[in-house]
Amino acid sequence: MIHGHIIFLNGTSSSGKTSLAKALETILEEPYVYVSFDSIVEPIINMYFTNIQAHEELGKAASLMIPKVASLLHHIVAALALLGKNVIVDHIITDKNWLIECVDILSDYPVTFVGVHCPLEELERRELARGDRAVGLAKSQIHTAHENMDYDLTVDTQKHDPMECAIKIKCARNISSSSAIIRMKNSLVTKH
């Protein structure tokens, strides 16, 4: 069985991952399934928190649930790739344990790891313009989103529009894929 290819977009909130994923879907010849952290976590949190009123309870429950949802995302991506589906992943890995698990689960599949970067000032501008994110979310993630990560390619979504970044990813995917995940597996997973 031929495994699906994974394009793994990692970056802070408002860095442009969703716009980049949409651009990739338009230029890639093969079909790709789009899976995002938000598309999994938001329905679960909304379903669970409809009856929770206390802000403190909400915070406690979310802190317990979000790592489990990240793990669910990693397993969904692996299952899709195992079934031969190509996948574009929109994720924010802000925890080293998430990264270790992700690399361990996905290391048997062809993965192109892409670091999606954007300067803080632009992230904050986008955050305000969007209006659907808590102000300060991107700033809280900027130092941890790329920590311990190794990439096959990085893109800057302030310097380049989504289509330009998508073209760079498409070209990089065809040249060399999976080297970053192998390096991360050797440096993170085997030592853990």
N, C-alpha and C. Protein backbone atom coordinates (compact mmCIF):
# COMPACT_ATOMS: atom_id res chain seq x y z
N MET A 1 0.84 -1.18 0.00
CA MET A 1 0.00 0.00 0.00
C MET A 1 0.88 1.25 0.00
N ILE A 2 0.54 2.22 -0.81
CA ILE A 2 1.29 3.47 -0.87
C ILE A 2 0.69 4.45 0.14
N HIS A 3 1.54 4.98 1.00
CA HIS A 3 1.09 5.94 2.00
C HIS A 3 0.88 7.31 1.38
N GLY A 4 -0.05 8.06 1.96
CA GLY A 4 -0.27 9.42 1.52
C GLY A 4 0.85 10.33 1.98
N HIS A 5 1.01 11.43 1.29
CA HIS A 5 2.02 12.44 1.63
C HIS A 5 1.40 13.46 2.58
N ILE A 6 2.19 13.93 3.53
CA ILE A 6 1.72 14.91 4.52
C ILE A 6 2.51 16.20 4.36
N ILE A 7 1.80 17.30 4.19
CA ILE A 7 2.40 18.63 4.25
C ILE A 7 1.98 19.20 5.59
N PHE A 8 2.94 19.36 6.48
CA PHE A 8 2.68 19.75 7.86
C PHE A 8 3.04 21.22 8.05
N LEU A 9 2.03 22.07 8.18
CA LEU A 9 2.22 23.51 8.38
C LEU A 9 2.18 23.80 9.88
N ASN A 10 3.26 24.31 10.42
CA ASN A 10 3.33 24.64 11.84
C ASN A 10 3.65 26.12 12.01
N GLY A 11 2.84 26.80 12.79
CA GLY A 11 3.07 28.22 13.06
C GLY A 11 2.04 28.75 14.02
N THR A 12 2.27 29.96 14.49
CA THR A 12 1.37 30.56 15.47
C THR A 12 0.00 30.84 14.88
N SER A 13 -0.92 31.14 15.75
CA SER A 13 -2.22 31.63 15.33
C SER A 13 -2.03 32.89 14.49
N SER A 14 -2.81 33.05 13.45
CA SER A 14 -2.79 34.22 12.55
C SER A 14 -1.54 34.31 11.68
N SER A 15 -0.75 33.22 11.61
CA SER A 15 0.45 33.26 10.77
C SER A 15 0.15 33.03 9.30
N GLY A 16 -1.07 32.60 8.97
CA GLY A 16 -1.45 32.43 7.58
C GLY A 16 -1.51 30.99 7.11
N LYS A 17 -1.56 30.05 8.04
CA LYS A 17 -1.57 28.63 7.68
C LYS A 17 -2.82 28.25 6.88
N THR A 18 -3.97 28.74 7.28
CA THR A 18 -5.21 28.39 6.58
C THR A 18 -5.22 28.93 5.16
N SER A 19 -4.81 30.18 4.98
CA SER A 19 -4.73 30.75 3.63
C SER A 19 -3.72 30.00 2.79
N LEU A 20 -2.63 29.61 3.39
CA LEU A 20 -1.60 28.84 2.70
C LEU A 20 -2.13 27.46 2.30
N ALA A 21 -2.87 26.82 3.19
CA ALA A 21 -3.46 25.50 2.88
C ALA A 21 -4.42 25.61 1.70
N LYS A 22 -5.23 26.66 1.67
CA LYS A 22 -6.17 26.86 0.56
C LYS A 22 -5.42 27.07 -0.76
N ALA A 23 -4.33 27.82 -0.71
CA ALA A 23 -3.52 28.03 -1.92
C ALA A 23 -2.90 26.71 -2.38
N LEU A 24 -2.42 25.91 -1.44
CA LEU A 24 -1.85 24.61 -1.79
C LEU A 24 -2.88 23.72 -2.47
N GLU A 25 -4.09 23.72 -1.94
CA GLU A 25 -5.15 22.88 -2.52
C GLU A 25 -5.43 23.24 -3.98
N THR A 26 -5.22 24.51 -4.34
CA THR A 26 -5.51 24.92 -5.72
C THR A 26 -4.37 24.58 -6.68
N ILE A 27 -3.14 24.44 -6.19
CA ILE A 27 -2.03 24.20 -7.12
C ILE A 27 -1.50 22.78 -7.13
N LEU A 28 -1.85 21.98 -6.13
CA LEU A 28 -1.37 20.60 -6.10
C LEU A 28 -2.23 19.75 -7.03
N GLU A 29 -1.59 18.94 -7.85
CA GLU A 29 -2.30 18.10 -8.81
C GLU A 29 -3.11 17.02 -8.10
N GLU A 30 -2.53 16.41 -7.08
CA GLU A 30 -3.20 15.35 -6.35
C GLU A 30 -4.14 15.97 -5.32
N PRO A 31 -5.23 15.27 -5.00
CA PRO A 31 -6.11 15.79 -3.94
C PRO A 31 -5.46 15.64 -2.56
N TYR A 32 -5.68 16.63 -1.72
CA TYR A 32 -5.21 16.62 -0.33
C TYR A 32 -6.39 16.88 0.59
N VAL A 33 -6.40 16.18 1.72
CA VAL A 33 -7.39 16.41 2.77
C VAL A 33 -6.81 17.46 3.70
N TYR A 34 -7.61 18.48 4.02
CA TYR A 34 -7.17 19.54 4.94
C TYR A 34 -7.65 19.20 6.35
N VAL A 35 -6.71 19.16 7.30
CA VAL A 35 -7.02 18.89 8.70
C VAL A 35 -6.34 19.96 9.53
N SER A 36 -7.13 20.61 10.40
CA SER A 36 -6.53 21.65 11.25
C SER A 36 -6.81 21.38 12.71
N PHE A 37 -5.93 21.88 13.53
CA PHE A 37 -6.10 21.79 14.98
C PHE A 37 -7.42 22.45 15.36
N ASP A 38 -7.69 23.64 14.82
CA ASP A 38 -8.92 24.36 15.14
C ASP A 38 -10.17 23.57 14.74
N SER A 39 -10.13 22.89 13.59
CA SER A 39 -11.32 22.17 13.13
C SER A 39 -11.66 20.99 14.04
N ILE A 40 -10.69 20.53 14.81
CA ILE A 40 -10.95 19.44 15.75
C ILE A 40 -11.24 19.98 17.15
N VAL A 41 -10.46 20.94 17.60
CA VAL A 41 -10.60 21.41 18.98
C VAL A 41 -11.85 22.26 19.18
N GLU A 42 -12.19 23.12 18.23
CA GLU A 42 -13.33 24.03 18.44
C GLU A 42 -14.66 23.30 18.61
N PRO A 43 -15.02 22.33 17.75
CA PRO A 43 -16.29 21.64 17.99
C PRO A 43 -16.34 20.89 19.32
N ILE A 44 -15.22 20.30 19.72
CA ILE A 44 -15.19 19.56 20.98
C ILE A 44 -15.35 20.52 22.15
N ILE A 45 -14.63 21.61 22.13
CA ILE A 45 -14.73 22.58 23.22
C ILE A 45 -16.12 23.21 23.24
N ASN A 46 -16.65 23.57 22.07
CA ASN A 46 -17.99 24.16 22.03
C ASN A 46 -19.04 23.19 22.56
N MET A 47 -18.93 21.93 22.20
CA MET A 47 -19.88 20.92 22.66
C MET A 47 -19.77 20.74 24.17
N TYR A 48 -18.54 20.65 24.65
CA TYR A 48 -18.33 20.39 26.07
C TYR A 48 -18.70 21.59 26.94
N PHE A 49 -18.39 22.77 26.46
CA PHE A 49 -18.54 23.95 27.31
C PHE A 49 -19.90 24.65 27.21
N THR A 50 -20.85 24.08 26.49
CA THR A 50 -22.16 24.74 26.39
C THR A 50 -22.83 24.86 27.75
N ASN A 51 -22.55 23.94 28.66
CA ASN A 51 -23.20 23.98 29.97
C ASN A 51 -22.28 24.49 31.09
N ILE A 52 -21.07 24.83 30.74
CA ILE A 52 -20.14 25.32 31.77
C ILE A 52 -20.18 26.85 31.78
N GLN A 53 -20.47 27.41 32.92
CA GLN A 53 -20.58 28.86 33.05
C GLN A 53 -19.33 29.49 33.67
N ALA A 54 -18.75 28.82 34.63
CA ALA A 54 -17.62 29.41 35.37
C ALA A 54 -16.36 29.43 34.51
N HIS A 55 -15.76 30.60 34.42
CA HIS A 55 -14.54 30.78 33.63
C HIS A 55 -13.41 29.89 34.15
N GLU A 56 -13.32 29.74 35.45
CA GLU A 56 -12.26 28.91 36.03
C GLU A 56 -12.42 27.45 35.62
N GLU A 57 -13.66 26.95 35.62
CA GLU A 57 -13.91 25.58 35.18
C GLU A 57 -13.52 25.40 33.72
N LEU A 58 -13.85 26.39 32.92
CA LEU A 58 -13.54 26.36 31.50
C LEU A 58 -12.03 26.21 31.29
N GLY A 59 -11.26 27.02 31.99
CA GLY A 59 -9.80 26.97 31.87
C GLY A 59 -9.22 25.64 32.30
N LYS A 60 -9.72 25.09 33.40
CA LYS A 60 -9.23 23.79 33.88
C LYS A 60 -9.55 22.69 32.88
N ALA A 61 -10.78 22.67 32.41
CA ALA A 61 -11.18 21.62 31.46
C ALA A 61 -10.41 21.74 30.15
N ALA A 62 -10.24 22.97 29.66
CA ALA A 62 -9.51 23.16 28.40
C ALA A 62 -8.06 22.71 28.54
N SER A 63 -7.43 23.00 29.68
CA SER A 63 -6.02 22.62 29.84
C SER A 63 -5.87 21.09 29.88
N LEU A 64 -6.90 20.38 30.31
CA LEU A 64 -6.86 18.92 30.30
C LEU A 64 -7.20 18.36 28.93
N MET A 65 -8.09 19.03 28.22
CA MET A 65 -8.60 18.51 26.96
C MET A 65 -7.70 18.78 25.77
N ILE A 66 -7.08 19.95 25.70
CA ILE A 66 -6.34 20.35 24.50
C ILE A 66 -5.19 19.40 24.17
N PRO A 67 -4.40 18.92 25.14
CA PRO A 67 -3.36 17.94 24.77
C PRO A 67 -3.95 16.66 24.17
N LYS A 68 -5.10 16.24 24.66
CA LYS A 68 -5.75 15.04 24.12
C LYS A 68 -6.23 15.28 22.69
N VAL A 69 -6.72 16.49 22.42
CA VAL A 69 -7.17 16.83 21.07
C VAL A 69 -5.98 16.89 20.11
N ALA A 70 -4.84 17.41 20.58
CA ALA A 70 -3.63 17.43 19.74
C ALA A 70 -3.23 16.00 19.40
N SER A 71 -3.30 15.11 20.37
CA SER A 71 -2.97 13.71 20.13
C SER A 71 -3.94 13.09 19.13
N LEU A 72 -5.22 13.42 19.26
CA LEU A 72 -6.22 12.94 18.32
C LEU A 72 -5.89 13.40 16.90
N LEU A 73 -5.50 14.65 16.76
CA LEU A 73 -5.12 15.19 15.45
C LEU A 73 -3.97 14.38 14.85
N HIS A 74 -2.94 14.11 15.63
CA HIS A 74 -1.78 13.35 15.14
C HIS A 74 -2.21 11.96 14.66
N HIS A 75 -3.10 11.32 15.39
CA HIS A 75 -3.58 9.99 15.01
C HIS A 75 -4.48 10.03 13.77
N ILE A 76 -5.29 11.06 13.65
CA ILE A 76 -6.14 11.21 12.46
C ILE A 76 -5.27 11.37 11.22
N VAL A 77 -4.25 12.21 11.31
CA VAL A 77 -3.34 12.43 10.17
C VAL A 77 -2.66 11.12 9.78
N ALA A 78 -2.16 10.38 10.76
CA ALA A 78 -1.51 9.09 10.47
C ALA A 78 -2.49 8.11 9.83
N ALA A 79 -3.72 8.07 10.33
CA ALA A 79 -4.72 7.15 9.77
C ALA A 79 -5.02 7.51 8.32
N LEU A 80 -5.16 8.79 8.03
CA LEU A 80 -5.41 9.21 6.65
C LEU A 80 -4.25 8.83 5.73
N ALA A 81 -3.03 9.09 6.19
CA ALA A 81 -1.84 8.75 5.39
C ALA A 81 -1.73 7.24 5.19
N LEU A 82 -2.05 6.47 6.22
CA LEU A 82 -2.02 5.02 6.12
C LEU A 82 -3.00 4.53 5.05
N LEU A 83 -4.13 5.22 4.93
CA LEU A 83 -5.14 4.86 3.93
C LEU A 83 -4.80 5.38 2.53
N GLY A 84 -3.62 6.03 2.40
CA GLY A 84 -3.18 6.52 1.11
C GLY A 84 -3.66 7.92 0.77
N LYS A 85 -4.25 8.61 1.74
CA LYS A 85 -4.72 9.98 1.51
C LYS A 85 -3.59 10.97 1.76
N ASN A 86 -3.47 11.95 0.88
CA ASN A 86 -2.55 13.06 1.10
C ASN A 86 -3.21 14.03 2.07
N VAL A 87 -2.40 14.63 2.95
CA VAL A 87 -2.97 15.47 4.00
C VAL A 87 -2.19 16.78 4.11
N ILE A 88 -2.93 17.88 4.24
CA ILE A 88 -2.34 19.17 4.63
C ILE A 88 -2.75 19.38 6.08
N VAL A 89 -1.77 19.53 6.95
CA VAL A 89 -2.03 19.70 8.38
C VAL A 89 -1.74 21.15 8.77
N ASP A 90 -2.69 21.77 9.45
CA ASP A 90 -2.58 23.14 9.96
C ASP A 90 -2.53 23.00 11.48
N HIS A 91 -1.34 23.23 12.07
CA HIS A 91 -1.14 22.91 13.50
C HIS A 91 -0.30 23.98 14.17
N ILE A 92 -0.39 24.00 15.48
CA ILE A 92 0.47 24.85 16.32
C ILE A 92 1.04 23.94 17.40
N ILE A 93 2.27 23.53 17.23
CA ILE A 93 2.88 22.65 18.24
C ILE A 93 3.61 23.54 19.23
N THR A 94 3.00 23.71 20.40
CA THR A 94 3.58 24.58 21.42
C THR A 94 4.10 23.80 22.63
N ASP A 95 4.10 22.50 22.52
CA ASP A 95 4.51 21.66 23.65
C ASP A 95 5.47 20.58 23.13
N LYS A 96 6.57 20.41 23.79
CA LYS A 96 7.58 19.44 23.34
C LYS A 96 7.01 18.02 23.32
N ASN A 97 6.16 17.69 24.29
CA ASN A 97 5.57 16.35 24.31
C ASN A 97 4.67 16.12 23.10
N TRP A 98 3.96 17.16 22.66
CA TRP A 98 3.15 17.06 21.44
C TRP A 98 4.05 16.74 20.25
N LEU A 99 5.18 17.46 20.19
CA LEU A 99 6.11 17.27 19.08
C LEU A 99 6.68 15.86 19.08
N ILE A 100 7.08 15.38 20.24
CA ILE A 100 7.64 14.03 20.34
C ILE A 100 6.63 13.00 19.87
N GLU A 101 5.39 13.13 20.35
CA GLU A 101 4.36 12.19 19.94
C GLU A 101 4.09 12.30 18.43
N CYS A 102 3.97 13.51 17.94
CA CYS A 102 3.69 13.75 16.52
C CYS A 102 4.77 13.12 15.64
N VAL A 103 6.02 13.36 15.96
CA VAL A 103 7.13 12.81 15.18
C VAL A 103 7.13 11.28 15.25
N ASP A 104 6.90 10.75 16.44
CA ASP A 104 6.87 9.30 16.60
C ASP A 104 5.76 8.67 15.75
N ILE A 105 4.59 9.27 15.76
CA ILE A 105 3.44 8.72 15.02
C ILE A 105 3.60 8.88 13.51
N LEU A 106 4.15 10.02 13.07
CA LEU A 106 4.19 10.31 11.64
C LEU A 106 5.50 9.91 10.96
N SER A 107 6.46 9.40 11.69
CA SER A 107 7.79 9.14 11.11
C SER A 107 7.80 8.03 10.05
N ASP A 108 6.76 7.24 9.98
CA ASP A 108 6.70 6.19 8.96
C ASP A 108 6.10 6.67 7.65
N TYR A 109 5.74 7.95 7.58
CA TYR A 109 5.06 8.49 6.41
C TYR A 109 5.90 9.58 5.76
N PRO A 110 5.70 9.83 4.47
CA PRO A 110 6.42 10.94 3.84
C PRO A 110 5.82 12.28 4.30
N VAL A 111 6.63 13.07 4.96
CA VAL A 111 6.17 14.33 5.55
C VAL A 111 7.08 15.47 5.09
N THR A 112 6.47 16.57 4.68
CA THR A 112 7.22 17.80 4.44
C THR A 112 6.83 18.74 5.57
N PHE A 113 7.77 18.99 6.48
CA PHE A 113 7.52 19.91 7.60
C PHE A 113 7.83 21.33 7.16
N VAL A 114 6.84 22.21 7.34
CA VAL A 114 6.96 23.60 6.91
C VAL A 114 6.75 24.52 8.11
N GLY A 115 7.73 25.36 8.37
CA GLY A 115 7.60 26.39 9.40
C GLY A 115 6.97 27.63 8.79
N VAL A 116 5.82 28.02 9.31
CA VAL A 116 5.11 29.20 8.81
C VAL A 116 5.40 30.34 9.76
N HIS A 117 6.19 31.31 9.28
CA HIS A 117 6.64 32.42 10.11
C HIS A 117 5.99 33.73 9.69
N CYS A 118 5.91 34.63 10.67
CA CYS A 118 5.40 35.98 10.43
C CYS A 118 5.83 36.83 11.62
N PRO A 119 6.29 38.06 11.40
CA PRO A 119 6.71 38.91 12.51
C PRO A 119 5.54 39.23 13.47
N LEU A 120 5.87 39.41 14.73
CA LEU A 120 4.87 39.63 15.76
C LEU A 120 3.95 40.81 15.44
N GLU A 121 4.52 41.92 14.97
CA GLU A 121 3.69 43.09 14.67
C GLU A 121 2.60 42.75 13.66
N GLU A 122 2.94 41.98 12.63
CA GLU A 122 1.97 41.58 11.63
C GLU A 122 0.97 40.57 12.20
N LEU A 123 1.44 39.67 13.03
CA LEU A 123 0.53 38.71 13.68
C LEU A 123 -0.52 39.45 14.50
N GLU A 124 -0.07 40.46 15.25
CA GLU A 124 -1.00 41.22 16.08
C GLU A 124 -1.98 42.02 15.23
N ARG A 125 -1.52 42.56 14.10
CA ARG A 125 -2.41 43.30 13.20
C ARG A 125 -3.47 42.36 12.64
N ARG A 126 -3.05 41.19 12.20
CA ARG A 126 -3.98 40.20 11.65
C ARG A 126 -4.98 39.73 12.70
N GLU A 127 -4.49 39.53 13.91
CA GLU A 127 -5.34 39.08 15.01
C GLU A 127 -6.48 40.07 15.25
N LEU A 128 -6.14 41.35 15.29
CA LEU A 128 -7.16 42.39 15.48
C LEU A 128 -8.12 42.45 14.30
N ALA A 129 -7.58 42.33 13.08
CA ALA A 129 -8.42 42.41 11.88
C ALA A 129 -9.38 41.23 11.79
N ARG A 130 -8.94 40.05 12.21
CA ARG A 130 -9.78 38.86 12.15
C ARG A 130 -10.96 38.96 13.10
N GLY A 131 -10.68 39.37 14.32
CA GLY A 131 -11.73 39.50 15.32
C GLY A 131 -12.25 38.19 15.89
N ASP A 132 -11.71 37.06 15.45
CA ASP A 132 -12.19 35.77 15.96
C ASP A 132 -11.15 35.05 16.82
N ARG A 133 -10.12 35.77 17.22
CA ARG A 133 -9.08 35.22 18.08
C ARG A 133 -8.89 36.14 19.28
N ALA A 134 -8.53 35.54 20.39
CA ALA A 134 -8.24 36.33 21.58
C ALA A 134 -7.00 37.18 21.31
N VAL A 135 -7.09 38.44 21.62
CA VAL A 135 -5.95 39.33 21.43
C VAL A 135 -4.81 38.87 22.34
N GLY A 136 -3.64 38.69 21.76
CA GLY A 136 -2.48 38.22 22.51
C GLY A 136 -2.19 36.74 22.32
N LEU A 137 -3.08 36.03 21.63
CA LEU A 137 -2.87 34.59 21.42
C LEU A 137 -1.58 34.33 20.63
N ALA A 138 -1.41 35.02 19.52
CA ALA A 138 -0.20 34.83 18.70
C ALA A 138 1.06 35.16 19.51
N LYS A 139 1.01 36.24 20.27
CA LYS A 139 2.17 36.64 21.08
C LYS A 139 2.51 35.57 22.11
N SER A 140 1.47 34.94 22.66
CA SER A 140 1.72 33.89 23.66
C SER A 140 2.32 32.63 23.05
N GLN A 141 2.18 32.46 21.73
CA GLN A 141 2.68 31.27 21.06
C GLN A 141 3.99 31.47 20.33
N ILE A 142 4.38 32.72 20.10
CA ILE A 142 5.49 33.00 19.19
C ILE A 142 6.81 32.38 19.62
N HIS A 143 7.04 32.25 20.92
CA HIS A 143 8.33 31.71 21.37
C HIS A 143 8.34 30.19 21.45
N THR A 144 7.15 29.57 21.52
CA THR A 144 7.10 28.11 21.67
C THR A 144 6.71 27.38 20.38
N ALA A 145 6.09 28.07 19.42
CA ALA A 145 5.58 27.41 18.21
C ALA A 145 6.68 26.76 17.37
N HIS A 146 7.87 27.31 17.40
CA HIS A 146 8.95 26.76 16.56
C HIS A 146 10.08 26.16 17.39
N GLU A 147 9.89 26.10 18.70
CA GLU A 147 10.90 25.54 19.59
C GLU A 147 11.04 24.03 19.35
N ASN A 148 12.25 23.57 19.27
CA ASN A 148 12.58 22.15 19.06
C ASN A 148 12.21 21.64 17.68
N MET A 149 11.70 22.49 16.80
CA MET A 149 11.25 22.07 15.48
C MET A 149 12.42 22.07 14.50
N ASP A 150 12.33 21.20 13.54
CA ASP A 150 13.25 21.15 12.41
C ASP A 150 12.35 21.14 11.18
N TYR A 151 12.70 21.90 10.16
CA TYR A 151 11.83 22.03 9.01
C TYR A 151 12.54 21.64 7.72
N ASP A 152 11.74 21.15 6.78
CA ASP A 152 12.23 20.94 5.43
C ASP A 152 12.26 22.27 4.69
N LEU A 153 11.41 23.19 5.13
CA LEU A 153 11.26 24.49 4.47
C LEU A 153 10.59 25.46 5.45
N THR A 154 10.96 26.72 5.37
CA THR A 154 10.24 27.76 6.11
C THR A 154 9.74 28.80 5.12
N VAL A 155 8.61 29.41 5.46
CA VAL A 155 8.05 30.48 4.64
C VAL A 155 7.71 31.65 5.55
N ASP A 156 7.76 32.85 5.00
CA ASP A 156 7.40 34.06 5.72
C ASP A 156 6.17 34.65 5.03
N THR A 157 5.04 34.61 5.72
CA THR A 157 3.78 35.02 5.10
C THR A 157 3.58 36.54 5.09
N GLN A 158 4.50 37.27 5.67
CA GLN A 158 4.45 38.72 5.50
C GLN A 158 5.19 39.11 4.22
N LYS A 159 6.30 38.45 3.96
CA LYS A 159 7.10 38.76 2.76
C LYS A 159 6.49 38.20 1.49
N HIS A 160 5.77 37.09 1.60
CA HIS A 160 5.23 36.40 0.42
C HIS A 160 3.75 36.10 0.63
N ASP A 161 2.97 36.25 -0.44
CA ASP A 161 1.54 35.96 -0.33
C ASP A 161 1.34 34.44 -0.30
N PRO A 162 0.12 33.99 0.03
CA PRO A 162 -0.11 32.54 0.16
C PRO A 162 0.27 31.73 -1.08
N MET A 163 -0.02 32.25 -2.26
CA MET A 163 0.30 31.49 -3.48
C MET A 163 1.80 31.36 -3.68
N GLU A 164 2.56 32.42 -3.42
CA GLU A 164 4.02 32.33 -3.53
C GLU A 164 4.58 31.30 -2.55
N CYS A 165 4.05 31.30 -1.33
CA CYS A 165 4.50 30.32 -0.33
C CYS A 165 4.10 28.91 -0.76
N ALA A 166 2.89 28.75 -1.31
CA ALA A 166 2.43 27.44 -1.75
C ALA A 166 3.31 26.89 -2.86
N ILE A 167 3.72 27.75 -3.79
CA ILE A 167 4.60 27.31 -4.88
C ILE A 167 5.94 26.84 -4.32
N LYS A 168 6.47 27.56 -3.34
CA LYS A 168 7.74 27.14 -2.72
C LYS A 168 7.59 25.77 -2.06
N ILE A 169 6.45 25.56 -1.40
CA ILE A 169 6.22 24.28 -0.72
C ILE A 169 6.06 23.18 -1.74
N LYS A 170 5.31 23.44 -2.81
CA LYS A 170 5.12 22.42 -3.85
C LYS A 170 6.47 22.00 -4.43
N CYS A 171 7.33 22.96 -4.71
CA CYS A 171 8.67 22.65 -5.26
C CYS A 171 9.51 21.88 -4.24
N ALA A 172 9.49 22.29 -2.99
CA ALA A 172 10.28 21.62 -1.95
C ALA A 172 9.78 20.20 -1.72
N ARG A 173 8.48 20.03 -1.79
CA ARG A 173 7.88 18.70 -1.60
C ARG A 173 8.39 17.74 -2.67
N ASN A 174 8.55 18.24 -3.87
CA ASN A 174 9.01 17.38 -4.97
C ASN A 174 10.51 17.08 -4.91
N ILE A 175 11.27 17.97 -4.28
CA ILE A 175 12.73 17.79 -4.24
C ILE A 175 13.13 16.88 -3.09
N SER A 176 12.75 17.25 -1.89
CA SER A 176 13.14 16.44 -0.74
C SER A 176 12.08 16.56 0.34
N SER A 177 11.59 15.44 0.74
CA SER A 177 10.60 15.44 1.80
C SER A 177 11.04 14.44 2.85
N SER A 178 10.60 14.64 4.03
CA SER A 178 10.81 13.72 5.15
C SER A 178 12.17 13.81 5.83
N SER A 179 13.06 14.68 5.39
CA SER A 179 14.35 14.72 6.07
C SER A 179 14.23 15.36 7.46
N ALA A 180 13.36 16.36 7.62
CA ALA A 180 13.20 17.00 8.92
C ALA A 180 12.62 16.03 9.95
N ILE A 181 11.65 15.25 9.54
CA ILE A 181 11.04 14.31 10.50
C ILE A 181 12.05 13.24 10.92
N ILE A 182 12.91 12.84 10.04
CA ILE A 182 13.94 11.86 10.39
C ILE A 182 14.94 12.47 11.37
N ARG A 183 15.34 13.72 11.11
CA ARG A 183 16.26 14.39 12.05
C ARG A 183 15.60 14.57 13.41
N MET A 184 14.31 14.97 13.42
CA MET A 184 13.63 15.15 14.71
C MET A 184 13.45 13.82 15.43
N LYS A 185 13.16 12.77 14.69
CA LYS A 185 13.02 11.46 15.34
C LYS A 185 14.35 11.06 15.98
N ASN A 186 15.45 11.28 15.28
CA ASN A 186 16.76 10.94 15.83
C ASN A 186 17.12 11.79 17.04
N SER A 187 16.71 13.06 17.04
CA SER A 187 17.11 13.93 18.15
C SER A 187 16.10 13.97 19.29
N LEU A 188 14.83 13.75 19.02
CA LEU A 188 13.81 13.88 20.06
C LEU A 188 13.28 12.54 20.55
N VAL A 189 12.81 11.74 19.63
CA VAL A 189 12.09 10.52 20.02
C VAL A 189 13.02 9.47 20.59
N THR A 190 14.17 9.26 19.97
CA THR A 190 15.07 8.22 20.44
C THR A 190 15.67 8.56 21.81
N LYS A 191 15.76 9.85 22.13
CA LYS A 191 16.31 10.26 23.44
C LYS A 191 15.24 10.27 24.52
N HIS A 192 13.98 10.29 24.11
CA HIS A 192 12.86 10.39 25.06
C HIS A 192 12.57 9.06 25.62
